PDB file of N, CA and C in Angstrom:
ATOM      1  N   MET A   1     101.996 180.456 191.793  1.00  0.00           N
ATOM      2  CA  MET A   1     100.683 179.924 191.525  1.00  0.00           C
ATOM      3  C   MET A   1     100.218 180.201 190.106  1.00  0.00           C
ATOM      4  N   ASN A   2     100.706 181.279 189.561  1.00  0.00           N
ATOM      5  CA  ASN A   2     100.305 181.669 188.225  1.00  0.00           C
ATOM      6  C   ASN A   2     100.743 180.614 187.207  1.00  0.00           C
ATOM      7  N   GLU A   3     101.942 180.060 187.357  1.00  0.00           N
ATOM      8  CA  GLU A   3     102.438 179.028 186.469  1.00  0.00           C
ATOM      9  C   GLU A   3     101.628 177.746 186.643  1.00  0.00           C
ATOM     10  N   ASP A   4     101.262 177.446 187.881  1.00  0.00           N
ATOM     11  CA  ASP A   4     100.448 176.250 188.132  1.00  0.00           C
ATOM     12  C   ASP A   4      99.086 176.380 187.460  1.00  0.00           C
ATOM     13  N   ASP A   5      98.516 177.579 187.524  1.00  0.00           N
ATOM     14  CA  ASP A   5      97.225 177.791 186.861  1.00  0.00           C
ATOM     15  C   ASP A   5      97.346 177.603 185.347  1.00  0.00           C
ATOM     16  N   LYS A   6      98.448 178.095 184.741  1.00  0.00           N
ATOM     17  CA  LYS A   6      98.658 177.926 183.315  1.00  0.00           C
ATOM     18  C   LYS A   6      98.795 176.452 182.953  1.00  0.00           C
ATOM     19  N   LYS A   7      99.571 175.710 183.782  1.00  0.00           N
ATOM     20  CA  LYS A   7      99.776 174.291 183.517  1.00  0.00           C
ATOM     21  C   LYS A   7      98.445 173.535 183.635  1.00  0.00           C
ATOM     22  N   ASN A   8      97.681 173.903 184.685  1.00  0.00           N
ATOM     23  CA  ASN A   8      96.373 173.249 184.862  1.00  0.00           C
ATOM     24  C   ASN A   8      95.433 173.547 183.691  1.00  0.00           C
ATOM     25  N   SER A   9      95.406 174.788 183.238  1.00  0.00           N
ATOM     26  CA  SER A   9      94.515 175.137 182.127  1.00  0.00           C
ATOM     27  C   SER A   9      94.965 174.449 180.843  1.00  0.00           C
ATOM     28  N   GLU A  10      96.310 174.325 180.626  1.00  0.00           N
ATOM     29  CA  GLU A  10      96.803 173.614 179.448  1.00  0.00           C
ATOM     30  C   GLU A  10      96.444 172.130 179.536  1.00  0.00           C
ATOM     31  N   LEU A  11      96.565 171.571 180.727  1.00  0.00           N
ATOM     32  CA  LEU A  11      96.220 170.170 180.937  1.00  0.00           C
ATOM     33  C   LEU A  11      94.738 169.946 180.672  1.00  0.00           C
ATOM     34  N   ILE A  12      93.915 170.829 181.197  1.00  0.00           N
ATOM     35  CA  ILE A  12      92.462 170.710 180.995  1.00  0.00           C
ATOM     36  C   ILE A  12      92.126 170.864 179.518  1.00  0.00           C
ATOM     37  N   ASP A  13      92.754 171.845 178.844  1.00  0.00           N
ATOM     38  CA  ASP A  13      92.500 172.030 177.405  1.00  0.00           C
ATOM     39  C   ASP A  13      92.934 170.804 176.604  1.00  0.00           C
ATOM     40  N   GLY A  14      94.060 170.200 176.980  1.00  0.00           N
ATOM     41  CA  GLY A  14      94.542 169.011 176.291  1.00  0.00           C
ATOM     42  C   GLY A  14      93.589 167.834 176.471  1.00  0.00           C
ATOM     43  N   ILE A  15      93.129 167.625 177.672  1.00  0.00           N
ATOM     44  CA  ILE A  15      92.190 166.525 177.948  1.00  0.00           C
ATOM     45  C   ILE A  15      90.867 166.774 177.233  1.00  0.00           C
ATOM     46  N   MET A  16      90.355 167.987 177.313  1.00  0.00           N
ATOM     47  CA  MET A  16      89.092 168.306 176.648  1.00  0.00           C
ATOM     48  C   MET A  16      89.225 168.212 175.126  1.00  0.00           C
ATOM     49  N   GLY A  17      90.418 168.535 174.595  1.00  0.00           N
ATOM     50  CA  GLY A  17      90.656 168.425 173.157  1.00  0.00           C
ATOM     51  C   GLY A  17      90.599 166.984 172.680  1.00  0.00           C
ATOM     52  N   GLU A  18      91.040 166.055 173.562  1.00  0.00           N
ATOM     53  CA  GLU A  18      90.973 164.643 173.209  1.00  0.00           C
ATOM     54  C   GLU A  18      89.535 164.131 173.257  1.00  0.00           C
ATOM     55  N   ILE A  19      88.786 164.608 174.249  1.00  0.00           N
ATOM     56  CA  ILE A  19      87.414 164.135 174.416  1.00  0.00           C
ATOM     57  C   ILE A  19      86.491 164.752 173.382  1.00  0.00           C
ATOM     58  N   VAL A  20      86.512 166.063 173.260  1.00  0.00           N
ATOM     59  CA  VAL A  20      85.627 166.787 172.340  1.00  0.00           C
ATOM     60  C   VAL A  20      86.502 167.622 171.416  1.00  0.00           C
ATOM     61  N   PRO A  21      86.259 167.585 170.096  1.00  0.00           N
ATOM     62  CA  PRO A  21      87.062 168.406 169.187  1.00  0.00           C
ATOM     63  C   PRO A  21      87.006 169.876 169.573  1.00  0.00           C
ATOM     64  N   LYS A  22      88.113 170.540 169.353  1.00  0.00           N
ATOM     65  CA  LYS A  22      88.243 171.920 169.807  1.00  0.00           C
ATOM     66  C   LYS A  22      87.313 172.890 169.080  1.00  0.00           C
ATOM     67  N   LYS A  23      86.924 172.558 167.859  1.00  0.00           N
ATOM     68  CA  LYS A  23      86.094 173.485 167.100  1.00  0.00           C
ATOM     69  C   LYS A  23      84.733 173.707 167.754  1.00  0.00           C
ATOM     70  N   ASN A  24      84.266 172.752 168.583  1.00  0.00           N
ATOM     71  CA  ASN A  24      82.983 172.933 169.263  1.00  0.00           C
ATOM     72  C   ASN A  24      83.047 174.046 170.300  1.00  0.00           C
ATOM     73  N   PHE A  25      84.242 174.276 170.855  1.00  0.00           N
ATOM     74  CA  PHE A  25      84.373 175.332 171.852  1.00  0.00           C
ATOM     75  C   PHE A  25      84.453 176.700 171.196  1.00  0.00           C
ATOM     76  N   THR A  26      85.026 176.752 169.994  1.00  0.00           N
ATOM     77  CA  THR A  26      85.250 178.050 169.370  1.00  0.00           C
ATOM     78  C   THR A  26      84.081 178.516 168.524  1.00  0.00           C
ATOM     79  N   GLU A  27      83.251 177.563 168.017  1.00  0.00           N
ATOM     80  CA  GLU A  27      82.145 177.962 167.159  1.00  0.00           C
ATOM     81  C   GLU A  27      81.025 178.593 167.975  1.00  0.00           C
ATOM     82  N   VAL A  28      80.752 179.820 167.670  1.00  0.00           N
ATOM     83  CA  VAL A  28      79.638 180.519 168.287  1.00  0.00           C
ATOM     84  C   VAL A  28      78.918 181.257 167.173  1.00  0.00           C
ATOM     85  N   GLY A  29      77.577 181.165 167.147  1.00  0.00           N
ATOM     86  CA  GLY A  29      76.826 181.849 166.121  1.00  0.00           C
ATOM     87  C   GLY A  29      76.349 180.878 165.063  1.00  0.00           C
ATOM     88  N   PRO A  30      75.900 181.414 163.932  1.00  0.00           N
ATOM     89  CA  PRO A  30      75.329 180.547 162.893  1.00  0.00           C
ATOM     90  C   PRO A  30      76.406 179.677 162.243  1.00  0.00           C
ATOM     91  N   LYS A  31      75.974 178.519 161.757  1.00  0.00           N
ATOM     92  CA  LYS A  31      76.888 177.595 161.091  1.00  0.00           C
ATOM     93  C   LYS A  31      77.234 178.146 159.716  1.00  0.00           C
ATOM     94  N   PRO A  32      78.425 177.826 159.217  1.00  0.00           N
ATOM     95  CA  PRO A  32      78.782 178.302 157.873  1.00  0.00           C
ATOM     96  C   PRO A  32      77.876 177.644 156.831  1.00  0.00           C
ATOM     97  N   PRO A  33      77.667 178.323 155.703  1.00  0.00           N
ATOM     98  CA  PRO A  33      76.771 177.746 154.688  1.00  0.00           C
ATOM     99  C   PRO A  33      77.345 176.440 154.152  1.00  0.00           C
ATOM    100  N   GLY A  34      76.462 175.475 153.960  1.00  0.00           N
ATOM    101  CA  GLY A  34      76.856 174.171 153.449  1.00  0.00           C
ATOM    102  C   GLY A  34      75.604 173.384 153.113  1.00  0.00           C
ATOM    103  N   LYS A  35      75.770 172.106 152.925  1.00  0.00           N
ATOM    104  CA  LYS A  35      74.622 171.270 152.591  1.00  0.00           C
ATOM    105  C   LYS A  35      73.878 170.895 153.870  1.00  0.00           C
ATOM    106  N   SER A  36      72.634 171.279 153.910  1.00  0.00           N
ATOM    107  CA  SER A  36      71.808 170.900 155.049  1.00  0.00           C
ATOM    108  C   SER A  36      71.166 169.543 154.771  1.00  0.00           C
ATOM    109  N   PRO A  37      70.680 168.846 155.786  1.00  0.00           N
ATOM    110  CA  PRO A  37      70.034 167.554 155.551  1.00  0.00           C
ATOM    111  C   PRO A  37      68.802 167.670 154.650  1.00  0.00           C
ATOM    112  N   PHE A  38      68.154 168.832 154.648  1.00  0.00           N
ATOM    113  CA  PHE A  38      66.970 169.017 153.815  1.00  0.00           C
ATOM    114  C   PHE A  38      67.347 169.066 152.340  1.00  0.00           C
ATOM    115  N   GLN A  39      68.513 169.626 152.013  1.00  0.00           N
ATOM    116  CA  GLN A  39      68.958 169.651 150.623  1.00  0.00           C
ATOM    117  C   GLN A  39      69.261 168.243 150.138  1.00  0.00           C
ATOM    118  N   LYS A  40      69.826 167.393 151.007  1.00  0.00           N
ATOM    119  CA  LYS A  40      70.105 166.012 150.632  1.00  0.00           C
ATOM    120  C   LYS A  40      68.812 165.255 150.379  1.00  0.00           C
ATOM    121  N   MET A  41      67.793 165.510 151.193  1.00  0.00           N
ATOM    122  CA  MET A  41      66.508 164.834 151.032  1.00  0.00           C
ATOM    123  C   MET A  41      65.816 165.282 149.748  1.00  0.00           C
ATOM    124  N   ALA A  42      65.998 166.535 149.354  1.00  0.00           N
ATOM    125  CA  ALA A  42      65.334 167.039 148.151  1.00  0.00           C
ATOM    126  C   ALA A  42      65.884 166.364 146.898  1.00  0.00           C
ATOM    127  N   LYS A  43      67.136 165.932 146.923  1.00  0.00           N
ATOM    128  CA  LYS A  43      67.737 165.315 145.756  1.00  0.00           C
ATOM    129  C   LYS A  43      67.359 163.846 145.602  1.00  0.00           C
ATOM    130  N   SER A  44      66.922 163.189 146.682  1.00  0.00           N
ATOM    131  CA  SER A  44      66.564 161.777 146.576  1.00  0.00           C
ATOM    132  C   SER A  44      65.281 161.629 145.759  1.00  0.00           C
ATOM    133  N   PRO A  45      65.175 160.553 144.976  1.00  0.00           N
ATOM    134  CA  PRO A  45      63.979 160.382 144.128  1.00  0.00           C
ATOM    135  C   PRO A  45      62.740 160.138 144.985  1.00  0.00           C
ATOM    136  N   PRO A  46      61.598 160.644 144.555  1.00  0.00           N
ATOM    137  CA  PRO A  46      60.377 160.452 145.339  1.00  0.00           C
ATOM    138  C   PRO A  46      59.948 158.987 145.331  1.00  0.00           C
ATOM    139  N   ILE A  47      59.354 158.550 146.417  1.00  0.00           N
ATOM    140  CA  ILE A  47      58.861 157.183 146.539  1.00  0.00           C
ATOM    141  C   ILE A  47      57.438 157.144 146.020  1.00  0.00           C
ATOM    142  N   LYS A  48      57.187 156.263 145.060  1.00  0.00           N
ATOM    143  CA  LYS A  48      55.848 156.161 144.483  1.00  0.00           C
ATOM    144  C   LYS A  48      54.964 155.318 145.399  1.00  0.00           C
ATOM    145  N   ALA A  49      53.741 155.759 145.573  1.00  0.00           N
ATOM    146  CA  ALA A  49      52.795 155.028 146.403  1.00  0.00           C
ATOM    147  C   ALA A  49      52.258 153.818 145.651  1.00  0.00           C
ATOM    148  N   LYS A  50      52.014 152.723 146.369  1.00  0.00           N
ATOM    149  CA  LYS A  50      51.461 151.519 145.760  1.00  0.00           C
ATOM    150  C   LYS A  50      49.986 151.421 146.114  1.00  0.00           C
ATOM    151  N   HIS A  51      49.194 150.926 145.175  1.00  0.00           N
ATOM    152  CA  HIS A  51      47.756 150.790 145.354  1.00  0.00           C
ATOM    153  C   HIS A  51      47.331 149.372 145.000  1.00  0.00           C
ATOM    154  N   TYR A  52      46.213 148.945 145.552  1.00  0.00           N
ATOM    155  CA  TYR A  52      45.637 147.665 145.176  1.00  0.00           C
ATOM    156  C   TYR A  52      44.727 147.859 143.963  1.00  0.00           C
ATOM    157  N   TYR A  53      44.770 146.897 143.049  1.00  0.00           N
ATOM    158  CA  TYR A  53      43.938 146.939 141.854  1.00  0.00           C
ATOM    159  C   TYR A  53      43.254 145.593 141.665  1.00  0.00           C
ATOM    160  N   ASP A  54      42.076 145.614 141.062  1.00  0.00           N
ATOM    161  CA  ASP A  54      41.389 144.396 140.638  1.00  0.00           C
ATOM    162  C   ASP A  54      41.657 144.238 139.146  1.00  0.00           C
ATOM    163  N   VAL A  55      42.171 143.090 138.756  1.00  0.00           N
ATOM    164  CA  VAL A  55      42.469 142.822 137.348  1.00  0.00           C
ATOM    165  C   VAL A  55      41.521 141.734 136.873  1.00  0.00           C
ATOM    166  N   LYS A  56      40.750 142.035 135.835  1.00  0.00           N
ATOM    167  CA  LYS A  56      39.805 141.073 135.272  1.00  0.00           C
ATOM    168  C   LYS A  56      40.270 140.693 133.880  1.00  0.00           C
ATOM    169  N   VAL A  57      40.337 139.387 133.635  1.00  0.00           N
ATOM    170  CA  VAL A  57      40.778 138.882 132.341  1.00  0.00           C
ATOM    171  C   VAL A  57      39.615 138.137 131.711  1.00  0.00           C
ATOM    172  N   GLU A  58      39.175 138.595 130.543  1.00  0.00           N
ATOM    173  CA  GLU A  58      38.154 137.874 129.792  1.00  0.00           C
ATOM    174  C   GLU A  58      38.885 136.884 128.893  1.00  0.00           C
ATOM    175  N   CYS A  59      38.525 135.610 129.020  1.00  0.00           N
ATOM    176  CA  CYS A  59      39.259 134.606 128.265  1.00  0.00           C
ATOM    177  C   CYS A  59      38.348 133.432 127.900  1.00  0.00           C
ATOM    178  N   MET A  60      38.841 132.647 126.951  1.00  0.00           N
ATOM    179  CA  MET A  60      38.195 131.376 126.622  1.00  0.00           C
ATOM    180  C   MET A  60      38.976 130.304 127.369  1.00  0.00           C
ATOM    181  N   LEU A  61      38.258 129.495 128.109  1.00  0.00           N
ATOM    182  CA  LEU A  61      38.889 128.538 128.996  1.00  0.00           C
ATOM    183  C   LEU A  61      38.255 127.174 128.808  1.00  0.00           C
ATOM    184  N   PRO A  62      39.031 126.128 128.630  1.00  0.00           N
ATOM    185  CA  PRO A  62      38.414 124.803 128.564  1.00  0.00           C
ATOM    186  C   PRO A  62      37.807 124.465 129.929  1.00  0.00           C
ATOM    187  N   ALA A  63      36.482 124.350 129.971  1.00  0.00           N
ATOM    188  CA  ALA A  63      35.799 124.102 131.241  1.00  0.00           C
ATOM    189  C   ALA A  63      34.655 123.120 131.030  1.00  0.00           C
ATOM    190  N   THR A  64      34.347 122.405 132.103  1.00  0.00           N
ATOM    191  CA  THR A  64      33.191 121.513 132.112  1.00  0.00           C
ATOM    192  C   THR A  64      32.212 122.064 133.135  1.00  0.00           C
ATOM    193  N   ILE A  65      31.033 122.454 132.676  1.00  0.00           N
ATOM    194  CA  ILE A  65      30.001 123.024 133.543  1.00  0.00           C
ATOM    195  C   ILE A  65      28.933 121.953 133.747  1.00  0.00           C
ATOM    196  N   THR A  66      28.610 121.686 135.006  1.00  0.00           N
ATOM    197  CA  THR A  66      27.625 120.650 135.327  1.00  0.00           C
ATOM    198  C   THR A  66      26.336 121.300 135.829  1.00  0.00           C
ATOM    199  N   PHE A  67      25.199 120.906 135.228  1.00  0.00           N
ATOM    200  CA  PHE A  67      23.878 121.389 135.625  1.00  0.00           C
ATOM    201  C   PHE A  67      23.090 120.200 136.170  1.00  0.00           C
ATOM    202  N   ARG A  68      22.183 120.436 137.086  1.00  0.00           N
ATOM    203  CA  ARG A  68      21.246 119.404 137.537  1.00  0.00           C
ATOM    204  C   ARG A  68      19.846 119.870 137.133  1.00  0.00           C
ATOM    205  N   ILE A  69      19.275 119.204 136.159  1.00  0.00           N
ATOM    206  CA  ILE A  69      18.005 119.609 135.553  1.00  0.00           C
ATOM    207  C   ILE A  69      16.986 118.487 135.729  1.00  0.00           C
ATOM    208  N   LEU A  70      15.781 118.848 136.124  1.00  0.00           N
ATOM    209  CA  LEU A  70      14.666 117.890 136.224  1.00  0.00           C
ATOM    210  C   LEU A  70      13.877 117.959 134.914  1.00  0.00           C
ATOM    211  N   ALA A  71      13.921 116.868 134.138  1.00  0.00           N
ATOM    212  CA  ALA A  71      13.243 116.849 132.828  1.00  0.00           C
ATOM    213  C   ALA A  71      12.778 115.430 132.521  1.00  0.00           C
ATOM    214  N   GLU A  72      11.884 115.342 131.548  1.00  0.00           N
ATOM    215  CA  GLU A  72      11.358 114.032 131.154  1.00  0.00           C
ATOM    216  C   GLU A  72      12.262 113.341 130.147  1.00  0.00           C
ATOM    217  N   THR A  73      12.894 114.097 129.249  1.00  0.00           N
ATOM    218  CA  THR A  73      13.751 113.496 128.222  1.00  0.00           C
ATOM    219  C   THR A  73      15.105 114.214 128.199  1.00  0.00           C
ATOM    220  N   PRO A  74      16.139 113.570 127.658  1.00  0.00           N
ATOM    221  CA  PRO A  74      17.441 114.247 127.561  1.00  0.00           C
ATOM    222  C   PRO A  74      17.395 115.496 126.688  1.00  0.00           C
ATOM    223  N   GLU A  75      16.586 115.499 125.648  1.00  0.00           N
ATOM    224  CA  GLU A  75      16.481 116.675 124.789  1.00  0.00           C
ATOM    225  C   GLU A  75      15.888 117.853 125.546  1.00  0.00           C
ATOM    226  N   GLU A  76      14.877 117.581 126.388  1.00  0.00           N
ATOM    227  CA  GLU A  76      14.269 118.640 127.192  1.00  0.00           C
ATOM    228  C   GLU A  76      15.271 119.171 128.216  1.00  0.00           C
ATOM    229  N   ALA A  77      16.072 118.294 128.798  1.00  0.00           N
ATOM    230  CA  ALA A  77      17.100 118.715 129.761  1.00  0.00           C
ATOM    231  C   ALA A  77      18.120 119.627 129.079  1.00  0.00           C
ATOM    232  N   ALA A  78      18.479 119.317 127.847  1.00  0.00           N
ATOM    233  CA  ALA A  78      19.429 120.146 127.111  1.00  0.00           C
ATOM    234  C   ALA A  78      18.859 121.538 126.842  1.00  0.00           C
ATOM    235  N   ASP A  79      17.551 121.634 126.624  1.00  0.00           N
ATOM    236  CA  ASP A  79      16.922 122.936 126.387  1.00  0.00           C
ATOM    237  C   ASP A  79      16.794 123.751 127.667  1.00  0.00           C
ATOM    238  N   LEU A  80      16.629 123.093 128.815  1.00  0.00           N
ATOM    239  CA  LEU A  80      16.383 123.798 130.076  1.00  0.00           C
ATOM    240  C   LEU A  80      17.653 124.364 130.730  1.00  0.00           C
ATOM    241  N   ILE A  81      18.832 124.041 130.238  1.00  0.00           N
ATOM    242  CA  ILE A  81      20.052 124.565 130.892  1.00  0.00           C
ATOM    243  C   ILE A  81      20.276 126.056 130.621  1.00  0.00           C
ATOM    244  N   ARG A  82      19.566 126.615 129.665  1.00  0.00           N
ATOM    245  CA  ARG A  82      19.789 128.017 129.306  1.00  0.00           C
ATOM    246  C   ARG A  82      19.551 128.980 130.469  1.00  0.00           C
ATOM    247  N   GLY A  83      18.564 128.785 131.294  1.00  0.00           N
ATOM    248  CA  GLY A  83      18.282 129.709 132.388  1.00  0.00           C
ATOM    249  C   GLY A  83      18.726 129.182 133.741  1.00  0.00           C
ATOM    250  N   ALA A  84      19.329 128.002 133.792  1.00  0.00           N
ATOM    251  CA  ALA A  84      19.675 127.378 135.069  1.00  0.00           C
ATOM    252  C   ALA A  84      21.077 127.782 135.535  1.00  0.00           C
ATOM    253  N   ALA A  85      21.267 127.666 136.849  1.00  0.00           N
ATOM    254  CA  ALA A  85      22.581 127.937 137.437  1.00  0.00           C
ATOM    255  C   ALA A  85      23.380 126.637 137.507  1.00  0.00           C
ATOM    256  N   PRO A  86      24.672 126.697 137.236  1.00  0.00           N
ATOM    257  CA  PRO A  86      25.466 125.469 137.273  1.00  0.00           C
ATOM    258  C   PRO A  86      25.682 124.972 138.703  1.00  0.00           C
ATOM    259  N   VAL A  87      25.826 123.653 138.834  1.00  0.00           N
ATOM    260  CA  VAL A  87      26.114 123.036 140.128  1.00  0.00           C
ATOM    261  C   VAL A  87      27.617 123.078 140.387  1.00  0.00           C
ATOM    262  N   SER A  88      28.411 122.819 139.354  1.00  0.00           N
ATOM    263  CA  SER A  88      29.867 122.882 139.518  1.00  0.00           C
ATOM    264  C   SER A  88      30.519 123.289 138.200  1.00  0.00           C
ATOM    265  N   VAL A  89      31.719 123.853 138.323  1.00  0.00           N
ATOM    266  CA  VAL A  89      32.509 124.235 137.164  1.00  0.00           C
ATOM    267  C   VAL A  89      33.923 123.694 137.382  1.00  0.00           C
ATOM    268  N   VAL A  90      34.389 122.874 136.468  1.00  0.00           N
ATOM    269  CA  VAL A  90      35.756 122.348 136.514  1.00  0.00           C
ATOM    270  C   VAL A  90      36.481 122.910 135.303  1.00  0.00           C
ATOM    271  N   HIS A  91      37.610 123.607 135.560  1.00  0.00           N
ATOM    272  CA  HIS A  91      38.317 124.249 134.452  1.00  0.00           C
ATOM    273  C   HIS A  91      39.790 123.851 134.453  1.00  0.00           C
ATOM    274  N   ARG A  92      40.426 124.059 133.314  1.00  0.00           N
ATOM    275  CA  ARG A  92      41.862 123.838 133.161  1.00  0.00           C
ATOM    276  C   ARG A  92      42.474 125.149 132.669  1.00  0.00           C
ATOM    277  N   LEU A  93      43.433 125.675 133.408  1.00  0.00           N
ATOM    278  CA  LEU A  93      44.070 126.938 133.027  1.00  0.00           C
ATOM    279  C   LEU A  93      45.121 126.761 131.941  1.00  0.00           C
ATOM    280  N   VAL A  94      45.494 125.524 131.654  1.00  0.00           N
ATOM    281  CA  VAL A  94      46.552 125.278 130.674  1.00  0.00           C
ATOM    282  C   VAL A  94      46.141 125.741 129.271  1.00  0.00           C
ATOM    283  N   GLY A  95      44.912 125.500 128.872  1.00  0.00           N
ATOM    284  CA  GLY A  95      44.476 125.846 127.515  1.00  0.00           C
ATOM    285  C   GLY A  95      43.806 127.193 127.412  1.00  0.00           C
ATOM    286  N   ARG A  96      44.089 128.102 128.319  1.00  0.00           N
ATOM    287  CA  ARG A  96      43.411 129.406 128.364  1.00  0.00           C
ATOM    288  C   ARG A  96      43.847 130.302 127.221  1.00  0.00           C
ATOM    289  N   LYS A  97      42.884 131.034 126.632  1.00  0.00           N
ATOM    290  CA  LYS A  97      43.165 132.034 125.595  1.00  0.00           C
ATOM    291  C   LYS A  97      42.573 133.364 126.064  1.00  0.00           C
ATOM    292  N   ASP A  98      43.448 134.320 126.366  1.00  0.00           N
ATOM    293  CA  ASP A  98      43.008 135.624 126.875  1.00  0.00           C
ATOM    294  C   ASP A  98      42.510 136.501 125.739  1.00  0.00           C
ATOM    295  N   HIS A  99      41.442 137.247 125.992  1.00  0.00           N
ATOM    296  CA  HIS A  99      40.871 138.166 125.007  1.00  0.00           C
ATOM    297  C   HIS A  99      41.047 139.625 125.404  1.00  0.00           C
ATOM    298  N   LYS A 100      40.701 139.953 126.653  1.00  0.00           N
ATOM    299  CA  LYS A 100      40.729 141.349 127.080  1.00  0.00           C
ATOM    300  C   LYS A 100      41.188 141.410 128.529  1.00  0.00           C
ATOM    301  N   LEU A 101      41.995 142.434 128.858  1.00  0.00           N
ATOM    302  CA  LEU A 101      42.505 142.640 130.202  1.00  0.00           C
ATOM    303  C   LEU A 101      42.022 143.994 130.696  1.00  0.00           C
ATOM    304  N   SER A 102      41.385 144.035 131.872  1.00  0.00           N
ATOM    305  CA  SER A 102      40.875 145.286 132.443  1.00  0.00           C
ATOM    306  C   SER A 102      41.413 145.441 133.856  1.00  0.00           C
ATOM    307  N   VAL A 103      41.882 146.656 134.207  1.00  0.00           N
ATOM    308  CA  VAL A 103      42.417 146.932 135.538  1.00  0.00           C
ATOM    309  C   VAL A 103      41.548 148.002 136.183  1.00  0.00           C
ATOM    310  N   TYR A 104      41.041 147.697 137.384  1.00  0.00           N
ATOM    311  CA  TYR A 104      40.161 148.593 138.139  1.00  0.00           C
ATOM    312  C   TYR A 104      40.822 148.936 139.463  1.00  0.00           C
ATOM    313  N   ASP A 105      40.396 150.065 140.078  1.00  0.00           N
ATOM    314  CA  ASP A 105      40.766 150.335 141.457  1.00  0.00           C
ATOM    315  C   ASP A 105      40.146 149.247 142.319  1.00  0.00           C
ATOM    316  N   ALA A 106      40.845 148.842 143.360  1.00  0.00           N
ATOM    317  CA  ALA A 106      40.360 147.757 144.203  1.00  0.00           C
ATOM    318  C   ALA A 106      39.022 148.132 144.843  1.00  0.00           C
ATOM    319  N   GLY A 107      38.039 147.274 144.672  1.00  0.00           N
ATOM    320  CA  GLY A 107      36.734 147.486 145.285  1.00  0.00           C
ATOM    321  C   GLY A 107      35.847 148.496 144.580  1.00  0.00           C
ATOM    322  N   SER A 108      36.226 148.944 143.394  1.00  0.00           N
ATOM    323  CA  SER A 108      35.380 149.917 142.701  1.00  0.00           C
ATOM    324  C   SER A 108      35.209 149.489 141.250  1.00  0.00           C
ATOM    325  N   THR A 109      34.383 150.236 140.545  1.00  0.00           N
ATOM    326  CA  THR A 109      34.152 149.951 139.129  1.00  0.00           C
ATOM    327  C   THR A 109      34.837 150.977 138.227  1.00  0.00           C
ATOM    328  N   MET A 110      35.740 151.771 138.804  1.00  0.00           N
ATOM    329  CA  MET A 110      36.464 152.794 138.049  1.00  0.00           C
ATOM    330  C   MET A 110      37.550 152.115 137.221  1.00  0.00           C
ATOM    331  N   LEU A 111      37.360 152.107 135.903  1.00  0.00           N
ATOM    332  CA  LEU A 111      38.308 151.471 134.990  1.00  0.00           C
ATOM    333  C   LEU A 111      39.552 152.337 134.878  1.00  0.00           C
ATOM    334  N   ARG A 112      40.732 151.761 135.176  1.00  0.00           N
ATOM    335  CA  ARG A 112      41.986 152.496 135.115  1.00  0.00           C
ATOM    336  C   ARG A 112      42.772 152.214 133.838  1.00  0.00           C
ATOM    337  N   TRP A 113      42.741 150.971 133.347  1.00  0.00           N
ATOM    338  CA  TRP A 113      43.541 150.595 132.182  1.00  0.00           C
ATOM    339  C   TRP A 113      42.921 149.384 131.516  1.00  0.00           C
ATOM    340  N   MET A 114      42.996 149.328 130.192  1.00  0.00           N
ATOM    341  CA  MET A 114      42.418 148.216 129.463  1.00  0.00           C
ATOM    342  C   MET A 114      43.325 147.879 128.273  1.00  0.00           C
ATOM    343  N   LYS A 115      43.438 146.588 127.977  1.00  0.00           N
ATOM    344  CA  LYS A 115      44.256 146.148 126.856  1.00  0.00           C
ATOM    345  C   LYS A 115      43.534 145.025 126.142  1.00  0.00           C
ATOM    346  N   ASN A 116      43.461 145.129 124.818  1.00  0.00           N
ATOM    347  CA  ASN A 116      42.840 144.088 123.998  1.00  0.00           C
ATOM    348  C   ASN A 116      43.913 143.085 123.617  1.00  0.00           C
ATOM    349  N   LEU A 117      43.738 141.817 124.009  1.00  0.00           N
ATOM    350  CA  LEU A 117      44.737 140.794 123.781  1.00  0.00           C
ATOM    351  C   LEU A 117      44.391 139.862 122.640  1.00  0.00           C
ATOM    352  N   LEU A 118      43.297 140.123 121.934  1.00  0.00           N
ATOM    353  CA  LEU A 118      42.813 139.214 120.898  1.00  0.00           C
ATOM    354  C   LEU A 118      43.765 139.110 119.714  1.00  0.00           C
ATOM    355  N   GLY A 119      44.438 140.155 119.340  1.00  0.00           N
ATOM    356  CA  GLY A 119      45.284 140.167 118.163  1.00  0.00           C
ATOM    357  C   GLY A 119      46.675 139.614 118.388  1.00  0.00           C
ATOM    358  N   ARG A 120      46.995 139.117 119.570  1.00  0.00           N
ATOM    359  CA  ARG A 120      48.354 138.638 119.848  1.00  0.00           C
ATOM    360  C   ARG A 120      48.592 137.272 119.324  1.00  0.00           C
TER     361      ARG A 120
END
């Protein structure tokens, strides 16, 4: 029976060796020093956070502004447009000339960056 037990244990060890690597059975205690997953993560570059910004561009734009003014003469109508609100604005972006670029945090008045474009 002793030989049968040896054969059975060898058979079991052989089958278990195929299923699970043998080093898992022998390793007991702390793992040998090596690279941990945390060390790999520390070497990866940090991910920069993205934010929303409001960008305002001051520019000269070819536009047609229409006012509706109640006046007796055309000259009087021309004088009264100074304080009136326009009825419509039709613009063309093709002939735009940018002067100043301002970048704000989204929804706030905190100025983050500004560039003067007039000298370009």
